[in-house]
Each structure stands twice: as C-alpha cells, then as structure tokens.
C-alpha cells in the first residue's frame, strides 16, 4: 500500500512503532529464556566439555602409541566411530629465534637480482584514509580540493540515508486503547 499523505505517513509510523514494541518484547523474552537456560546448564556443559576434551587426549595418546593398529591407512574404524590422523595444510614456520622481520631482512640482504627478490611484495597501495582526511577542511582550504581529486579519477561522495525512527515507548500499554 502506497503512502500518499502526511496523515497516512503518521499512521504508518504508528503501525511501525507498535510492531517495534512487540518485537522488542519478544526479543527481551527470548533473551531472558536463553539466559535462564544458559545458567541452568552451564555447570553440566562445562563438565561435559572437559570430559570430552580429556577423552580426546587419551584417545590421541593411545593412537600415537599404537600406530600399527591403523595398518597402511590413516583411519582406524571402531564400533562406535573412527580414529583418524590427517595431515594439515602446508604452512611456513619460523625456525627457533627467528621472527618474520628477521626473515624479511635476511631475504633483502640477497638483493634485487636474486631468486629471493620475487618473494618481496612491491605492490603500491592507495592510502584511502589519508586521501579522505586531506580533502576535509572546515575552513574550505583542503590540501586536496575536488579539482585535484578529479585529475586522478576520484571524487568525494556522501550517501544520504533514510530512517523511519519510531518511539514505541510513547505508545499506550497494550489493552488500554
């Protein structure tokens, strides 16, 4: 249904306010029930999580000590499930006493004409936050005026947003209308 008049807009906002009030009440009730359930079961859940974690450790210890049970495969099928060994994804790891900065410096020492040069990023990247800051000046003397931005294919944009703000707390309590 299209809104054609100011009166219809007011009625629509009132409907929205009533919906928002009902929604807020339901969300509050849901949150109360969730908090109650969390309090009720927190101790047992924590105990069960600890028990499961302890059993995982015991199962891993047993599996590592009994790799022959797995035969050629990485999986041992049991009546109630499976024990599995899986290799993770390949990743770079630092040697003892090395940091990523030390690795970078060591590679840079080889110079730009070596095989190591291709592993150093050189991609320039725009500092968009600085560009935006340098276009904003309350006195109208921005370091980067609109004309300068347009020379490099940029402009300042500001979207206009719309919001219908209702105040459900102003409604009469349910049943009093």
Protein backbone atom coordinates (compact mmCIF):
# COMPACT_ATOMS: atom_id res chain seq x y z
CA UNK A 1 0.00 0.00 0.00
CA UNK A 2 1.48 3.33 -1.03
CA UNK A 3 1.56 6.23 1.40
CA UNK A 4 0.13 9.33 -0.25
CA UNK A 5 -0.48 11.84 2.54
CA UNK A 6 1.10 13.14 5.73
CA UNK A 7 -1.71 11.53 7.71
CA UNK A 8 -1.05 8.16 6.09
CA UNK A 9 2.69 8.56 6.87
CA UNK A 10 1.80 9.22 10.52
CA UNK A 11 -0.46 6.15 10.61
CA UNK A 12 2.25 4.02 9.01
CA UNK A 13 4.82 5.21 11.55
CA UNK A 14 2.36 4.38 14.35
CA UNK A 15 1.95 0.85 12.92
CA UNK A 16 5.74 0.55 12.78
CA UNK A 17 6.04 1.74 16.40
CA UNK A 18 3.54 -0.92 17.51
CA UNK A 19 5.44 -3.60 15.58
CA UNK A 20 8.75 -2.43 17.07
CA UNK A 21 7.29 -2.52 20.59
CA UNK A 22 6.00 -6.07 20.08
CA UNK A 23 9.31 -7.13 18.54
CA UNK A 24 11.28 -5.65 21.45
CA UNK A 25 9.07 -7.51 23.92
CA UNK A 26 9.55 -10.83 22.13
CA UNK A 27 13.32 -10.33 21.82
CA UNK A 28 13.55 -9.50 25.54
CA UNK A 29 11.56 -12.63 26.43
CA UNK A 30 13.73 -14.78 24.16
CA UNK A 31 16.90 -13.33 25.70
CA UNK A 32 15.56 -13.95 29.21
CA UNK A 33 14.79 -17.58 28.39
CA UNK A 34 18.20 -18.08 26.78
CA UNK A 35 19.98 -16.58 29.79
CA UNK A 36 17.95 -18.81 32.10
CA UNK A 37 18.81 -21.92 30.06
CA UNK A 38 22.49 -20.94 29.98
CA UNK A 39 22.55 -20.51 33.77
CA UNK A 40 20.69 -23.78 34.31
CA UNK A 41 23.02 -25.90 32.13
CA UNK A 42 26.36 -24.05 32.36
CA UNK A 43 27.96 -26.27 35.01
CA UNK A 44 26.99 -29.54 33.33
CA UNK A 45 28.01 -28.29 29.87
CA UNK A 46 31.40 -27.18 31.19
CA UNK A 47 31.92 -30.57 32.88
CA UNK A 48 30.93 -32.48 29.74
CA UNK A 49 33.22 -30.34 27.54
CA UNK A 50 36.11 -31.06 29.92
CA UNK A 51 35.34 -34.79 29.89
CA UNK A 52 35.20 -34.86 26.08
CA UNK A 53 38.49 -32.96 25.82
CA UNK A 54 40.17 -35.34 28.30
CA UNK A 55 38.95 -38.37 26.33
CA UNK A 56 40.22 -36.82 23.08
CA UNK A 57 43.66 -36.52 24.69
CA UNK A 58 43.59 -40.11 25.94
CA UNK A 59 42.46 -41.39 22.53
CA UNK A 60 45.21 -39.43 20.77
CA UNK A 61 47.84 -40.75 23.19
CA UNK A 62 46.65 -44.33 22.60
CA UNK A 63 46.51 -43.86 18.81
CA UNK A 64 50.02 -42.39 18.65
CA UNK A 65 51.36 -45.25 20.76
CA UNK A 66 49.55 -47.86 18.63
CA UNK A 67 50.05 -46.71 15.02
CA UNK A 68 50.39 -50.36 13.96
CA UNK A 69 46.65 -50.77 14.66
CA UNK A 70 45.97 -48.37 11.78
CA UNK A 71 47.76 -50.56 9.24
CA UNK A 72 48.51 -48.78 5.97
CA UNK A 73 45.74 -46.20 6.40
CA UNK A 74 45.33 -43.11 8.48
CA UNK A 75 41.93 -44.22 9.86
CA UNK A 76 41.05 -46.92 12.37
CA UNK A 77 37.37 -47.92 12.28
CA UNK A 78 35.88 -48.96 15.62
CA UNK A 79 32.31 -49.99 16.51
CA UNK A 80 31.38 -46.53 17.79
CA UNK A 81 33.33 -44.36 15.36
CA UNK A 82 36.74 -43.74 13.85
CA UNK A 83 40.14 -42.54 14.95
CA UNK A 84 41.87 -40.51 12.23
CA UNK A 85 45.24 -38.97 11.56
CA UNK A 86 45.18 -36.18 8.98
CA UNK A 87 47.97 -34.00 7.68
CA UNK A 88 47.19 -30.31 7.94
CA UNK A 89 47.75 -27.76 5.20
CA UNK A 90 51.32 -26.80 4.36
CA UNK A 91 52.44 -23.60 6.06
CA UNK A 92 55.60 -21.63 6.66
CA UNK A 93 57.01 -21.90 10.17
CA UNK A 94 59.77 -19.86 11.76
CA UNK A 95 62.97 -21.52 12.97
CA UNK A 96 63.97 -21.03 16.61
CA UNK A 97 64.99 -17.42 17.38
CA UNK A 98 63.67 -16.16 14.01
CA UNK A 99 60.91 -13.60 13.51
CA UNK A 100 59.12 -12.56 10.33
CA UNK A 101 61.07 -9.28 10.38
CA UNK A 102 64.37 -11.16 10.57
CA UNK A 103 63.31 -13.34 7.62
CA UNK A 104 62.44 -10.23 5.60
CA UNK A 105 65.79 -8.61 6.40
CA UNK A 106 67.67 -11.81 5.51
CA UNK A 107 65.94 -12.03 2.13
CA UNK A 108 66.52 -8.32 1.44
CA UNK A 109 70.27 -8.85 2.01
CA UNK A 110 70.41 -11.05 -1.09
CA UNK A 111 69.47 -8.05 -3.25
CA UNK A 112 67.02 -7.47 -6.11
CA UNK A 113 68.85 -9.63 -8.68
CA UNK A 114 68.47 -12.94 -6.82
CA UNK A 115 65.79 -15.60 -6.70
CA UNK A 116 64.65 -14.16 -3.38
CA UNK A 117 63.54 -10.83 -4.86
CA UNK A 118 60.30 -12.27 -6.19
CA UNK A 119 59.16 -13.03 -2.65
CA UNK A 120 59.16 -9.39 -1.59
CA UNK A 121 55.92 -7.52 -2.26
CA UNK A 122 56.25 -4.26 -4.11
CA UNK A 123 52.65 -3.52 -4.98
CA UNK A 124 51.80 0.12 -4.32
CA UNK A 125 48.60 0.65 -2.41
CA UNK A 126 46.48 3.78 -2.06
CA UNK A 127 46.17 5.25 1.40
CA UNK A 128 42.44 5.95 1.05
CA UNK A 129 42.05 7.13 4.63
CA UNK A 130 44.76 9.78 4.17
CA UNK A 131 43.25 10.87 0.85
CA UNK A 132 39.90 11.35 2.56
CA UNK A 133 41.46 13.21 5.51
CA UNK A 134 43.33 15.59 3.18
CA UNK A 135 40.10 16.55 1.41
CA UNK A 136 38.35 17.61 4.60
CA UNK A 137 38.95 21.11 5.91
CA UNK A 138 36.38 23.11 7.82
CA UNK A 139 37.90 26.39 6.61
CA UNK A 140 37.46 25.39 2.96
CA UNK A 141 41.19 25.11 2.36
CA UNK A 142 41.55 21.36 1.88
CA UNK A 143 45.01 20.10 0.95
CA UNK A 144 43.37 18.13 -1.87
CA UNK A 145 40.48 20.10 -3.38
CA UNK A 146 37.87 18.46 -5.62
CA UNK A 147 39.66 19.68 -8.77
CA UNK A 148 42.86 17.91 -7.75
CA UNK A 149 40.97 14.69 -6.98
CA UNK A 150 39.26 14.70 -10.36
CA UNK A 151 42.66 14.71 -12.09
CA UNK A 152 43.34 11.27 -10.64
CA UNK A 153 39.84 9.88 -11.14
CA UNK A 154 38.39 10.47 -7.69
CA UNK A 155 35.59 12.48 -6.16
CA UNK A 156 34.15 12.83 -2.68
CA UNK A 157 30.82 11.10 -2.26
CA UNK A 158 28.43 11.14 0.64
CA UNK A 159 25.33 8.96 0.57
CA UNK A 160 22.10 10.16 2.12
CA UNK A 161 20.40 7.56 4.24
CA UNK A 162 16.76 7.46 5.29
CA UNK A 163 15.48 6.15 8.58
CA UNK A 164 11.97 5.96 9.99
CA UNK A 165 12.50 6.35 13.74
CA UNK A 166 9.60 5.35 15.90
CA UNK A 167 9.31 5.66 19.65
CA UNK A 168 7.32 2.64 20.87
CA UNK A 169 7.77 3.77 24.47
CA UNK A 170 5.30 6.57 23.74
CA UNK A 171 2.54 4.10 22.90
CA UNK A 172 -0.15 3.38 25.43
CA UNK A 173 0.29 -0.02 27.13
CA UNK A 174 -1.36 -2.92 25.31
CA UNK A 175 -5.06 -3.24 26.07
CA UNK A 176 -5.56 0.39 27.12
CA UNK A 177 -6.74 1.57 23.69
